[in-house]
Amino acid sequence: MKMAHFTVRIIKPNPHREGTQTWRAGQIATGMEGCQVKSIIRALRAFEEETREMGVVDPARWLLHFAGLASMQSRKKMEPWIEILHDGEVVRSVANYRELLKSENI
């Protein structure tokens, strides 16, 4: 399979406790490594629709969380276990990620 220009790369195993919502979302990201971010977010949206009692929140945030970018804005540090890639370059900020999502119409 050809790697997409805006995708994720797994750099470590999914560290979350097996069976939790976070672990399940991580399994989706793991299984879709190399696919377009748009497709990964679509799968995460479907996952949230099926599992969240309060409805869909922001499926794109899962990738921020797994890449450790969301923790840069909070006190809770998350060790990254995926990288978000755009044209082969690692996305290093929440602002850049959100900007790329907008430019890709996601």
C-alpha atoms as a PDB file:
ATOM      1  CA  MET A   1       0.000   0.000   0.000  1.00  0.00           C
ATOM      2  CA  LYS A   2       1.284   3.461  -0.915  1.00  0.00           C
ATOM      3  CA  MET A   3       1.637   5.776   2.100  1.00  0.00           C
ATOM      4  CA  ALA A   4      -0.693   8.797   2.053  1.00  0.00           C
ATOM      5  CA  HIS A   5       0.715  12.333   2.098  1.00  0.00           C
ATOM      6  CA  PHE A   6      -1.156  13.161   5.363  1.00  0.00           C
ATOM      7  CA  THR A   7      -1.098  10.127   7.617  1.00  0.00           C
ATOM      8  CA  VAL A   8       0.177   8.581  10.848  1.00  0.00           C
ATOM      9  CA  ARG A   9       3.168   6.410  11.576  1.00  0.00           C
ATOM     10  CA  ILE A  10       3.288   4.113  14.593  1.00  0.00           C
ATOM     11  CA  ILE A  11       6.548   4.519  16.519  1.00  0.00           C
ATOM     12  CA  LYS A  12       5.730   2.477  19.662  1.00  0.00           C
ATOM     13  CA  PRO A  13       3.080  -0.038  20.728  1.00  0.00           C
ATOM     14  CA  ASN A  14      -0.302   1.246  21.908  1.00  0.00           C
ATOM     15  CA  PRO A  15       0.406   1.884  25.628  1.00  0.00           C
ATOM     16  CA  HIS A  16      -3.177   2.117  26.850  1.00  0.00           C
ATOM     17  CA  ARG A  17      -4.869  -0.460  29.032  1.00  0.00           C
ATOM     18  CA  GLU A  18      -6.434  -3.120  26.832  1.00  0.00           C
ATOM     19  CA  GLY A  19     -10.191  -2.864  26.461  1.00  0.00           C
ATOM     20  CA  THR A  20     -10.473   0.832  27.358  1.00  0.00           C
ATOM     21  CA  GLN A  21     -11.968   3.378  24.970  1.00  0.00           C
ATOM     22  CA  THR A  22      -8.555   4.952  24.495  1.00  0.00           C
ATOM     23  CA  TRP A  23      -6.976   1.601  23.677  1.00  0.00           C
ATOM     24  CA  ARG A  24      -9.721   0.836  21.155  1.00  0.00           C
ATOM     25  CA  ALA A  25      -9.294   4.209  19.454  1.00  0.00           C
ATOM     26  CA  GLY A  26      -5.554   3.508  19.403  1.00  0.00           C
ATOM     27  CA  GLN A  27      -6.162   0.189  17.702  1.00  0.00           C
ATOM     28  CA  ILE A  28      -8.007   2.020  14.940  1.00  0.00           C
ATOM     29  CA  ALA A  29      -5.048   4.377  14.469  1.00  0.00           C
ATOM     30  CA  THR A  30      -2.633   1.431  14.525  1.00  0.00           C
ATOM     31  CA  GLY A  31      -4.627  -0.551  11.995  1.00  0.00           C
ATOM     32  CA  MET A  32      -4.887   2.437   9.675  1.00  0.00           C
ATOM     33  CA  GLU A  33      -1.222   3.445   9.735  1.00  0.00           C
ATOM     34  CA  GLY A  34      -0.311   4.880   6.326  1.00  0.00           C
ATOM     35  CA  CYS A  35      -3.920   5.713   5.388  1.00  0.00           C
ATOM     36  CA  GLN A  36      -5.119   9.279   4.852  1.00  0.00           C
ATOM     37  CA  VAL A  37      -5.829  11.157   8.103  1.00  0.00           C
ATOM     38  CA  LYS A  38      -9.284  11.920   6.672  1.00  0.00           C
ATOM     39  CA  SER A  39     -10.064   8.184   6.580  1.00  0.00           C
ATOM     40  CA  ILE A  40      -8.652   7.599  10.062  1.00  0.00           C
ATOM     41  CA  ILE A  41     -10.771  10.417  11.482  1.00  0.00           C
ATOM     42  CA  ARG A  42     -13.829   9.027   9.684  1.00  0.00           C
ATOM     43  CA  ALA A  43     -13.227   5.655  11.392  1.00  0.00           C
ATOM     44  CA  LEU A  44     -12.725   7.354  14.774  1.00  0.00           C
ATOM     45  CA  ARG A  45     -15.966   9.302  14.252  1.00  0.00           C
ATOM     46  CA  ALA A  46     -17.836   6.048  13.594  1.00  0.00           C
ATOM     47  CA  PHE A  47     -16.213   4.569  16.713  1.00  0.00           C
ATOM     48  CA  GLU A  48     -17.395   7.516  18.822  1.00  0.00           C
ATOM     49  CA  GLU A  49     -20.904   7.323  17.360  1.00  0.00           C
ATOM     50  CA  GLU A  50     -21.078   3.665  18.403  1.00  0.00           C
ATOM     51  CA  THR A  51     -19.511   3.960  21.844  1.00  0.00           C
ATOM     52  CA  ARG A  52     -20.003   7.426  23.360  1.00  0.00           C
ATOM     53  CA  GLU A  53     -23.221   8.030  25.260  1.00  0.00           C
ATOM     54  CA  MET A  54     -22.825  11.797  24.877  1.00  0.00           C
ATOM     55  CA  GLY A  55     -22.260  11.679  21.109  1.00  0.00           C
ATOM     56  CA  VAL A  56     -19.279  12.586  18.966  1.00  0.00           C
ATOM     57  CA  VAL A  57     -16.865  15.099  20.471  1.00  0.00           C
ATOM     58  CA  ASP A  58     -13.845  15.655  18.193  1.00  0.00           C
ATOM     59  CA  PRO A  59     -12.468  12.485  16.600  1.00  0.00           C
ATOM     60  CA  ALA A  60      -9.394  14.364  15.342  1.00  0.00           C
ATOM     61  CA  ARG A  61      -8.278  14.884  18.947  1.00  0.00           C
ATOM     62  CA  TRP A  62      -7.392  11.185  19.312  1.00  0.00           C
ATOM     63  CA  LEU A  63      -4.453  11.588  16.961  1.00  0.00           C
ATOM     64  CA  LEU A  64      -3.273  14.684  18.847  1.00  0.00           C
ATOM     65  CA  HIS A  65      -3.435  12.703  22.067  1.00  0.00           C
ATOM     66  CA  PHE A  66      -1.553   9.696  20.668  1.00  0.00           C
ATOM     67  CA  ALA A  67       1.127  11.940  19.129  1.00  0.00           C
ATOM     68  CA  GLY A  68       1.693  13.672  22.471  1.00  0.00           C
ATOM     69  CA  LEU A  69       0.732  17.048  21.008  1.00  0.00           C
ATOM     70  CA  ALA A  70      -2.363  17.545  23.160  1.00  0.00           C
ATOM     71  CA  SER A  71      -0.277  17.135  26.306  1.00  0.00           C
ATOM     72  CA  MET A  72       1.925  20.047  25.242  1.00  0.00           C
ATOM     73  CA  GLN A  73      -1.039  22.300  26.082  1.00  0.00           C
ATOM     74  CA  SER A  74      -1.841  20.676  29.434  1.00  0.00           C
ATOM     75  CA  ARG A  75      -0.053  19.576  32.568  1.00  0.00           C
ATOM     76  CA  LYS A  76      -0.741  15.909  31.815  1.00  0.00           C
ATOM     77  CA  LYS A  77       2.199  14.648  29.754  1.00  0.00           C
ATOM     78  CA  MET A  78       1.560  11.888  27.232  1.00  0.00           C
ATOM     79  CA  GLU A  79       4.474   9.995  25.762  1.00  0.00           C
ATOM     80  CA  PRO A  80       3.920   9.988  21.976  1.00  0.00           C
ATOM     81  CA  TRP A  81       3.495   6.606  20.332  1.00  0.00           C
ATOM     82  CA  ILE A  82       2.455   7.795  16.870  1.00  0.00           C
ATOM     83  CA  GLU A  83       3.682  10.535  14.573  1.00  0.00           C
ATOM     84  CA  ILE A  84       1.376  12.581  12.398  1.00  0.00           C
ATOM     85  CA  LEU A  85       3.055  13.067   9.024  1.00  0.00           C
ATOM     86  CA  HIS A  86       2.393  15.582   6.279  1.00  0.00           C
ATOM     87  CA  ASP A  87       4.430  15.086   3.100  1.00  0.00           C
ATOM     88  CA  GLY A  88       6.855  12.956   5.113  1.00  0.00           C
ATOM     89  CA  GLU A  89       7.457  15.642   7.774  1.00  0.00           C
ATOM     90  CA  VAL A  90       6.367  15.209  11.401  1.00  0.00           C
ATOM     91  CA  VAL A  91       3.622  17.615  12.510  1.00  0.00           C
ATOM     92  CA  ARG A  92       4.912  19.215  15.728  1.00  0.00           C
ATOM     93  CA  SER A  93       2.103  21.460  16.961  1.00  0.00           C
ATOM     94  CA  VAL A  94      -1.624  21.439  17.559  1.00  0.00           C
ATOM     95  CA  ALA A  95      -1.984  24.645  15.545  1.00  0.00           C
ATOM     96  CA  ASN A  96      -0.192  23.140  12.544  1.00  0.00           C
ATOM     97  CA  TYR A  97      -2.307  19.967  12.754  1.00  0.00           C
ATOM     98  CA  ARG A  98      -5.571  21.934  12.912  1.00  0.00           C
ATOM     99  CA  GLU A  99      -4.421  24.118  10.019  1.00  0.00           C
ATOM    100  CA  LEU A 100      -3.659  21.013   7.933  1.00  0.00           C
ATOM    101  CA  LEU A 101      -7.073  19.554   8.754  1.00  0.00           C
ATOM    102  CA  LYS A 102      -8.713  22.736   7.467  1.00  0.00           C
ATOM    103  CA  SER A 103      -6.597  22.813   4.320  1.00  0.00           C
ATOM    104  CA  GLU A 104      -7.533  19.170   3.628  1.00  0.00           C
ATOM    105  CA  ASN A 105     -11.240  19.941   4.246  1.00  0.00           C
ATOM    106  CA  ILE A 106     -11.422  17.534   7.181  1.00  0.00           C
END
